[in-house]
Amino acid sequence: MRVLDQIMPEMDFDMVFLMATLMLLVMGTVMIFSSSYFISKEMYNDSFAMIGRHLFHLMVGIVAMGCLIRVDYRRFNTRFFVLFALGAGIIACILCFVPGIGVMGGHARRWIRVPFLTVQASEIMKIALIFYLSYSLCKKTKNIHDYRYGVLPILAVVGVSALLILIEPDFGTAATIGIWSFFILFIAGMRIKHLILTLLIILPIGVLTMLLEPYRKARLLAFMNPWEDMYGIGYQTVQSMVALASGGVFGSGLGEGTQKLFFLPAPHTDFILSVLGEELGFIGVLFIVALFGFWIWRGYTIAMATNDGFGFLLVVSAVSLIGLQAIVNMGVAMSVFPTTGIALPFFSYGGSSLVTAMVASGIVLSVSRRARL
C-alpha cells in the first residue's frame, strides 16, 4: 500500500487516454504476431524473429512515452529545443543519401543506420514538425492572419521538410505531412482565403508530381479499377479486398487467416488491417475503428481542457497526425484510397513508426497532467 501511495499521486495524467493507447498497443502486438509468423519464418528462418524485434521496439517506445509523461511539456516551448528538433529531422533526411549511413530499400532511401538499429528519417521529421508547428503558431497568434509574415514562413519550413521526404522518394508521407500541416494551420486561425490560395498553388504541383512517376500513376489507375490488372498493379488492392471479404462478420479466427500465407503483400505492415479483418471479421475491424475514434476524441478532449496555446497545439498536432495516418491506412486497406505505404499506427510492423506513435501519445499524456479534465 505504501508503494501504491507513493506512485498514485504522480499518476495525474489522463488514465482514459492511457488505457486507450495500451489497448491499441496490445491489439497491435497480437496482430503483428499473427500476421508476421509465416513471413518471419521465410525471411529469418525464425517465426518469432519479427515479434521479438517488435517487443524490443515496444520497450523503447514505453521508455520514451514514460519519460515524456514525467517531463513538463512547457520545457519544449523554447526556440533552442524546436530548432534542435527541426535540425535533427532535416539532418536525418539528408543522411538517407549518404553512402554507408543511408539504407536502400525498395528503390527508396528512407532509412538511416545507427548503432544496432535502422531508423526511418521521416518519423524523426514528424516529431520535429509537431514541436515546430506548435511553437511557431503559438508565437504567431497575433499575425496568423497575415499571410506574408504569419503563414508563409511556416509553410516554407513545412515545404522544405516535405520536399526532403518526397525525394527519398516517399510521396505518401510527404502528402500526409502537407495535409496535416494545413489542418493545424487552419485550427490555429489561418484564414480560409489564404488556405484556398495556397491549395490552388500546391495541388496542381502535387498532381503533376504524382502523374510524372510511372509507378504512382499506375497505383492511381489500379485504385480506379484494380480488377483490370488483378495479377499486376492491382494485386495488392484485390488481395486486400479478398481478405476483408473472407472474414465475414466474425472472422475465421485469430491466427487462422490464409491471405497472409504469401497471397497478400505486406500483411504485417501496410495491410495488417486486412489480416485483422479476415481473422476477426467485420466486428473486429469495427472495434479497431471505434478504438481509434475514441483515442482521437479523448485526445481532442484533453486539448480543449488545456489552459495554454502551446499545450493545445501540441495535443491537436500529435493526435491529428496519428489519426490521419490511421484513416489513410484503413482507407487503403478498404480500397477507399490509392496505395500509399502509410503505416497503421500501433499496428504495422516497424520500430520507427511504433515509437513515433508512442512519443505522440506521451506528448498528449504530458499535457493532460495540467489539463482541466
Protein backbone atom coordinates (compact mmCIF):
# COMPACT_ATOMS: atom_id res chain seq x y z
CA MET A 1 0.00 0.00 0.00
CA ARG A 2 2.85 2.39 0.77
CA VAL A 3 4.28 1.74 -2.67
CA LEU A 4 0.90 2.50 -4.27
CA ASP A 5 0.58 5.64 -2.16
CA GLN A 6 3.92 6.81 -3.50
CA ILE A 7 3.09 6.02 -7.12
CA MET A 8 -0.55 7.10 -7.38
CA PRO A 9 -0.05 10.80 -6.55
CA GLU A 10 2.23 11.05 -9.59
CA MET A 11 -0.34 9.37 -11.84
CA ASP A 12 -2.11 12.66 -12.52
CA PHE A 13 -2.20 12.14 -16.29
CA ASP A 14 -5.34 11.08 -18.14
CA MET A 15 -5.86 7.38 -17.41
CA VAL A 16 -8.62 7.09 -20.03
CA PHE A 17 -6.28 8.13 -22.84
CA LEU A 18 -3.55 5.88 -21.46
CA MET A 19 -5.89 2.86 -21.38
CA ALA A 20 -6.99 3.51 -24.98
CA THR A 21 -3.32 3.70 -26.01
CA LEU A 22 -2.49 0.46 -24.19
CA MET A 23 -5.44 -1.31 -25.83
CA LEU A 24 -4.17 -0.25 -29.26
CA LEU A 25 -0.68 -1.46 -28.37
CA VAL A 26 -1.92 -4.84 -27.13
CA MET A 27 -4.13 -5.40 -30.18
CA GLY A 28 -1.30 -4.28 -32.44
CA THR A 29 1.16 -6.70 -30.85
CA VAL A 30 -1.27 -9.61 -31.19
CA MET A 31 -1.90 -8.83 -34.86
CA ILE A 32 1.80 -8.40 -35.64
CA PHE A 33 2.50 -11.85 -34.21
CA SER A 34 -0.34 -13.36 -36.23
CA SER A 35 0.46 -11.58 -39.50
CA SER A 36 4.26 -11.95 -39.34
CA TYR A 37 4.52 -15.59 -38.17
CA PHE A 38 4.98 -17.15 -41.61
CA ILE A 39 6.79 -14.29 -43.33
CA SER A 40 9.24 -14.16 -40.41
CA LYS A 41 9.91 -17.88 -40.88
CA GLU A 42 10.52 -17.28 -44.59
CA MET A 43 12.82 -14.26 -44.14
CA TYR A 44 14.75 -15.17 -40.98
CA ASN A 45 14.11 -18.90 -40.58
CA ASP A 46 12.58 -17.98 -37.23
CA SER A 47 8.84 -17.48 -36.78
CA PHE A 48 9.45 -15.34 -33.68
CA ALA A 49 12.11 -13.01 -35.11
CA MET A 50 9.73 -10.20 -36.08
CA ILE A 51 7.63 -10.32 -32.94
CA GLY A 52 10.85 -10.28 -30.92
CA ARG A 53 12.00 -7.13 -32.69
CA HIS A 54 8.58 -5.60 -32.23
CA LEU A 55 8.70 -6.24 -28.48
CA PHE A 56 12.11 -4.58 -28.31
CA HIS A 57 10.78 -1.51 -30.14
CA LEU A 58 7.76 -1.58 -27.84
CA MET A 59 10.05 -1.38 -24.81
CA VAL A 60 11.89 1.56 -26.37
CA GLY A 61 8.54 3.25 -27.00
CA ILE A 62 7.38 2.65 -23.43
CA VAL A 63 10.56 4.25 -22.07
CA ALA A 64 10.16 7.24 -24.41
CA MET A 65 6.49 7.64 -23.53
CA GLY A 66 7.21 7.33 -19.81
CA CYS A 67 9.94 9.98 -19.98
CA LEU A 68 7.67 12.39 -21.84
CA ILE A 69 4.87 11.90 -19.31
CA ARG A 70 7.17 12.91 -16.47
CA VAL A 71 8.63 15.96 -18.26
CA ASP A 72 6.76 19.27 -18.10
CA TYR A 73 5.77 19.86 -21.74
CA ARG A 74 6.33 23.62 -21.30
CA ARG A 75 10.06 22.93 -21.31
CA PHE A 76 9.75 22.21 -25.03
CA ASN A 77 8.36 25.69 -25.69
CA THR A 78 11.78 27.20 -26.44
CA ARG A 79 13.46 28.32 -29.65
CA PHE A 80 16.55 26.24 -28.87
CA PHE A 81 14.66 22.96 -28.46
CA VAL A 82 12.49 23.50 -31.54
CA LEU A 83 15.48 24.38 -33.73
CA PHE A 84 17.35 21.36 -32.36
CA ALA A 85 14.41 19.03 -33.14
CA LEU A 86 13.90 20.52 -36.60
CA GLY A 87 17.62 20.33 -37.32
CA ALA A 88 17.66 16.66 -36.27
CA GLY A 89 14.78 15.93 -38.65
CA ILE A 90 16.44 17.70 -41.58
CA ILE A 91 19.83 16.10 -40.95
CA ALA A 92 18.22 12.65 -40.67
CA CYS A 93 16.53 13.10 -44.07
CA ILE A 94 19.78 14.28 -45.66
CA LEU A 95 21.74 11.36 -44.16
CA CYS A 96 19.47 8.98 -46.09
CA PHE A 97 21.53 9.85 -49.17
CA VAL A 98 24.95 9.49 -47.54
CA PRO A 99 26.67 6.21 -48.55
CA GLY A 100 27.27 3.96 -45.58
CA ILE A 101 24.61 5.68 -43.48
CA GLY A 102 21.55 5.73 -45.72
CA VAL A 103 19.86 2.38 -46.25
CA MET A 104 18.28 1.48 -49.59
CA GLY A 105 15.03 -0.44 -49.57
CA GLY A 106 12.62 -0.95 -52.45
CA HIS A 107 14.29 1.67 -54.70
CA ALA A 108 13.98 4.28 -51.93
CA ARG A 109 16.33 5.74 -49.35
CA ARG A 110 14.12 6.27 -46.31
CA TRP A 111 16.25 4.85 -43.50
CA ILE A 112 19.48 5.72 -41.74
CA ARG A 113 21.76 3.27 -39.99
CA VAL A 114 22.56 3.93 -36.34
CA PRO A 115 24.25 1.50 -33.91
CA PHE A 116 22.18 -1.71 -33.70
CA LEU A 117 19.20 -0.10 -35.49
CA THR A 118 17.85 1.41 -38.67
CA VAL A 119 15.61 4.45 -38.24
CA GLN A 120 13.11 5.87 -40.72
CA ALA A 121 14.13 9.51 -41.17
CA SER A 122 10.62 10.78 -41.91
CA GLU A 123 9.48 9.63 -38.45
CA ILE A 124 12.05 11.91 -36.83
CA MET A 125 10.80 14.73 -39.04
CA LYS A 126 7.20 14.12 -37.98
CA ILE A 127 8.05 14.54 -34.29
CA ALA A 128 10.13 17.63 -35.09
CA LEU A 129 7.23 19.20 -37.00
CA ILE A 130 4.82 18.57 -34.11
CA PHE A 131 7.01 20.75 -31.90
CA TYR A 132 7.82 23.27 -34.65
CA LEU A 133 4.22 23.91 -35.66
CA SER A 134 3.06 24.14 -32.05
CA TYR A 135 5.82 26.56 -31.09
CA SER A 136 5.64 28.74 -34.21
CA LEU A 137 1.85 29.01 -34.31
CA CYS A 138 1.73 29.76 -30.59
CA LYS A 139 4.21 32.62 -31.08
CA LYS A 140 2.43 33.92 -34.20
CA THR A 141 -1.06 34.05 -32.70
CA LYS A 142 -1.41 37.77 -33.38
CA ASN A 143 -0.24 37.72 -37.00
CA ILE A 144 -1.57 34.32 -38.15
CA HIS A 145 -3.98 36.27 -40.37
CA ASP A 146 -1.02 37.89 -42.13
CA TYR A 147 -0.08 35.59 -45.00
CA ARG A 148 3.34 37.08 -45.67
CA TYR A 149 4.69 37.30 -42.13
CA GLY A 150 2.50 34.85 -40.26
CA VAL A 151 1.82 31.91 -42.57
CA LEU A 152 4.41 31.92 -45.36
CA PRO A 153 7.50 31.34 -43.14
CA ILE A 154 5.81 28.29 -41.58
CA LEU A 155 4.75 26.97 -44.99
CA ALA A 156 8.34 27.36 -46.19
CA VAL A 157 9.70 25.17 -43.38
CA VAL A 158 6.96 22.56 -43.86
CA GLY A 159 7.53 22.66 -47.62
CA VAL A 160 11.27 22.02 -47.31
CA SER A 161 10.62 19.19 -44.85
CA ALA A 162 8.06 17.58 -47.15
CA LEU A 163 10.38 18.01 -50.15
CA LEU A 164 13.21 16.17 -48.38
CA ILE A 165 10.82 13.28 -47.76
CA LEU A 166 9.43 13.43 -51.30
CA ILE A 167 12.84 12.95 -52.92
CA GLU A 168 13.56 9.77 -50.89
CA PRO A 169 11.04 9.12 -52.58
CA ASP A 170 8.03 8.88 -50.22
CA PHE A 171 5.08 10.66 -51.80
CA GLY A 172 2.54 9.23 -49.35
CA THR A 173 4.30 10.55 -46.24
CA ALA A 174 5.06 13.91 -47.86
CA ALA A 175 1.39 14.32 -48.85
CA THR A 176 0.24 13.27 -45.37
CA ILE A 177 2.51 15.85 -43.74
CA GLY A 178 1.19 18.51 -46.13
CA ILE A 179 -2.47 17.75 -45.40
CA TRP A 180 -1.83 17.54 -41.66
CA SER A 181 0.07 20.84 -41.63
CA PHE A 182 -2.76 22.66 -43.40
CA PHE A 183 -5.23 21.28 -40.87
CA ILE A 184 -3.11 22.53 -37.96
CA LEU A 185 -2.74 25.95 -39.62
CA PHE A 186 -6.50 26.10 -40.05
CA ILE A 187 -7.07 25.16 -36.39
CA ALA A 188 -4.58 27.86 -35.36
CA GLY A 189 -6.56 30.52 -37.21
CA MET A 190 -5.28 30.64 -40.79
CA ARG A 191 -7.75 32.49 -42.98
CA ILE A 192 -9.84 30.40 -45.37
CA LYS A 193 -8.88 32.56 -48.36
CA HIS A 194 -5.18 32.04 -47.59
CA LEU A 195 -5.77 28.30 -47.26
CA ILE A 196 -7.61 28.12 -50.59
CA LEU A 197 -4.96 30.27 -52.31
CA THR A 198 -2.16 28.00 -51.10
CA LEU A 199 -4.04 24.85 -52.08
CA LEU A 200 -4.66 26.23 -55.58
CA ILE A 201 -0.90 26.61 -55.94
CA ILE A 202 0.18 23.34 -54.33
CA LEU A 203 -2.47 20.89 -55.58
CA PRO A 204 -1.52 21.12 -59.30
CA ILE A 205 2.14 20.60 -58.34
CA GLY A 206 1.18 17.56 -56.25
CA VAL A 207 -0.94 16.06 -59.02
CA LEU A 208 1.82 16.66 -61.57
CA THR A 209 4.41 15.08 -59.27
CA MET A 210 2.20 12.02 -58.87
CA LEU A 211 1.49 11.62 -62.58
CA LEU A 212 5.10 12.11 -63.71
CA GLU A 213 6.22 8.97 -61.86
CA PRO A 214 5.02 5.86 -63.74
CA TYR A 215 4.57 3.74 -60.59
CA ARG A 216 2.47 6.44 -58.88
CA LYS A 217 0.34 6.81 -61.98
CA ALA A 218 -0.06 3.03 -62.11
CA ARG A 219 -1.18 2.99 -58.47
CA LEU A 220 -3.82 5.59 -59.22
CA LEU A 221 -5.10 3.61 -62.20
CA ALA A 222 -5.12 0.43 -60.11
CA PHE A 223 -7.16 2.21 -57.46
CA MET A 224 -9.75 3.26 -60.04
CA ASN A 225 -10.11 -0.29 -61.39
CA PRO A 226 -7.92 -2.88 -59.62
CA TRP A 227 -9.67 -5.81 -61.31
CA GLU A 228 -8.44 -4.73 -64.73
CA ASP A 229 -4.93 -5.90 -63.80
CA MET A 230 -5.66 -8.07 -60.77
CA TYR A 231 -2.41 -10.03 -61.10
CA GLY A 232 -0.29 -6.96 -61.76
CA ILE A 233 -0.52 -3.44 -60.36
CA GLY A 234 -3.95 -4.10 -58.86
CA TYR A 235 -2.81 -7.22 -56.99
CA GLN A 236 -2.40 -5.58 -53.56
CA THR A 237 -5.81 -3.94 -53.64
CA VAL A 238 -7.57 -7.08 -54.85
CA GLN A 239 -5.94 -9.32 -52.25
CA SER A 240 -6.78 -6.82 -49.51
CA MET A 241 -10.44 -6.84 -50.52
CA VAL A 242 -10.40 -10.65 -50.70
CA ALA A 243 -9.03 -10.81 -47.15
CA LEU A 244 -11.66 -8.43 -45.78
CA ALA A 245 -14.47 -10.20 -47.63
CA SER A 246 -13.29 -13.63 -46.47
CA GLY A 247 -13.57 -12.59 -42.84
CA GLY A 248 -17.31 -12.06 -42.96
CA VAL A 249 -18.91 -10.82 -39.75
CA PHE A 250 -16.95 -12.75 -37.12
CA GLY A 251 -13.79 -13.76 -38.99
CA SER A 252 -12.00 -17.06 -39.47
CA GLY A 253 -10.39 -16.92 -36.03
CA LEU A 254 -7.22 -15.37 -34.67
CA GLY A 255 -4.22 -16.86 -36.45
CA GLU A 256 -6.40 -18.79 -38.90
CA GLY A 257 -6.28 -16.37 -41.84
CA THR A 258 -4.93 -17.62 -45.16
CA GLN A 259 -4.26 -14.39 -47.09
CA LYS A 260 -1.11 -13.80 -45.02
CA LEU A 261 0.30 -17.04 -46.48
CA PHE A 262 2.11 -15.05 -49.19
CA PHE A 263 -1.06 -14.06 -51.05
CA LEU A 264 -1.46 -10.59 -49.52
CA PRO A 265 1.67 -8.41 -49.91
CA ALA A 266 2.96 -6.70 -46.75
CA PRO A 267 0.46 -8.42 -44.43
CA HIS A 268 2.40 -7.30 -41.34
CA THR A 269 2.87 -3.67 -42.42
CA ASP A 270 0.69 -1.75 -44.89
CA PHE A 271 -2.16 -4.29 -45.00
CA ILE A 272 -2.26 -5.53 -41.42
CA LEU A 273 -5.87 -4.30 -41.14
CA SER A 274 -6.81 -6.69 -43.94
CA VAL A 275 -5.36 -9.60 -41.95
CA LEU A 276 -7.28 -8.40 -38.91
CA GLY A 277 -10.47 -8.23 -40.98
CA GLU A 278 -10.02 -11.79 -42.24
CA GLU A 279 -9.29 -13.23 -38.80
CA LEU A 280 -11.58 -11.11 -36.59
CA GLY A 281 -14.19 -10.18 -39.17
CA PHE A 282 -16.29 -7.06 -39.55
CA ILE A 283 -16.77 -6.94 -35.77
CA GLY A 284 -13.01 -6.83 -35.22
CA VAL A 285 -12.47 -4.08 -37.79
CA LEU A 286 -15.36 -2.09 -36.36
CA PHE A 287 -13.86 -2.40 -32.88
CA ILE A 288 -10.46 -1.12 -34.05
CA VAL A 289 -12.03 1.77 -35.97
CA ALA A 290 -14.07 2.66 -32.87
CA LEU A 291 -10.98 2.39 -30.65
CA PHE A 292 -9.02 4.75 -32.88
CA GLY A 293 -12.02 7.08 -32.96
CA PHE A 294 -12.19 7.06 -29.17
CA TRP A 295 -8.42 7.66 -28.92
CA ILE A 296 -8.73 10.70 -31.21
CA TRP A 297 -11.81 12.02 -29.39
CA ARG A 298 -10.16 11.71 -25.98
CA GLY A 299 -7.05 13.44 -27.30
CA TYR A 300 -9.09 16.39 -28.56
CA THR A 301 -10.93 16.48 -25.22
CA ILE A 302 -7.57 16.87 -23.48
CA ALA A 303 -6.60 19.63 -25.93
CA MET A 304 -9.80 21.55 -25.19
CA ALA A 305 -9.12 21.27 -21.46
CA THR A 306 -5.64 22.80 -21.61
CA ASN A 307 -5.05 26.32 -20.34
CA ASP A 308 -2.34 27.44 -22.76
CA GLY A 309 -1.97 27.67 -26.53
CA PHE A 310 1.23 25.66 -26.78
CA GLY A 311 -0.25 22.68 -24.95
CA PHE A 312 -3.41 22.86 -27.05
CA LEU A 313 -1.46 22.88 -30.32
CA LEU A 314 0.87 20.09 -29.15
CA VAL A 315 -2.04 17.76 -28.43
CA VAL A 316 -4.01 18.65 -31.56
CA SER A 317 -0.89 18.22 -33.72
CA ALA A 318 0.10 14.87 -32.18
CA VAL A 319 -3.41 13.39 -32.22
CA SER A 320 -4.21 14.68 -35.71
CA LEU A 321 -1.01 13.25 -37.21
CA ILE A 322 -1.56 9.77 -35.79
CA GLY A 323 -5.29 9.93 -36.56
CA LEU A 324 -4.72 10.97 -40.17
CA GLN A 325 -2.26 8.13 -40.71
CA ALA A 326 -4.78 5.66 -39.29
CA ILE A 327 -7.53 6.99 -41.56
CA VAL A 328 -5.31 6.81 -44.65
CA ASN A 329 -4.07 3.28 -43.89
CA MET A 330 -7.58 1.98 -43.22
CA GLY A 331 -8.83 3.69 -46.35
CA VAL A 332 -6.15 1.98 -48.44
CA ALA A 333 -6.98 -1.44 -46.97
CA MET A 334 -10.67 -0.87 -47.75
CA SER A 335 -9.88 0.47 -51.26
CA VAL A 336 -11.15 3.94 -50.39
CA PHE A 337 -7.73 5.50 -51.15
CA PRO A 338 -4.91 4.52 -53.54
CA THR A 339 -1.99 2.56 -52.08
CA THR A 340 0.25 4.99 -50.18
CA GLY A 341 2.61 2.97 -47.99
CA ILE A 342 1.39 4.73 -44.84
CA ALA A 343 1.64 2.51 -41.75
CA LEU A 344 -1.23 1.87 -39.35
CA PRO A 345 -0.08 3.45 -36.05
CA PHE A 346 0.38 1.00 -33.15
CA PHE A 347 -0.29 -1.94 -35.51
CA SER A 348 2.04 -2.02 -38.52
CA TYR A 349 5.39 -3.73 -38.03
CA GLY A 350 8.17 -1.15 -37.88
CA GLY A 351 10.05 0.26 -34.93
CA SER A 352 10.24 3.88 -36.09
CA SER A 353 6.50 4.11 -36.72
CA LEU A 354 5.69 2.46 -33.39
CA VAL A 355 7.98 4.72 -31.37
CA THR A 356 6.59 7.80 -33.14
CA ALA A 357 3.03 6.84 -32.20
CA MET A 358 4.10 6.27 -28.60
CA VAL A 359 6.03 9.55 -28.46
CA ALA A 360 2.90 11.32 -29.74
CA SER A 361 0.90 9.58 -27.01
CA GLY A 362 3.49 10.60 -24.42
CA ILE A 363 3.16 14.24 -25.50
CA VAL A 364 -0.62 14.08 -25.06
CA LEU A 365 -0.31 12.45 -21.63
CA SER A 366 2.25 15.04 -20.54
CA VAL A 367 -0.13 17.87 -21.44
CA SER A 368 -3.03 16.04 -19.76
CA ARG A 369 -1.26 16.37 -16.39
CA ARG A 370 -2.06 20.09 -16.43
CA ALA A 371 -5.40 19.93 -18.24
CA ARG A 372 -8.68 20.77 -16.52
CA LEU A 373 -10.40 17.44 -17.10
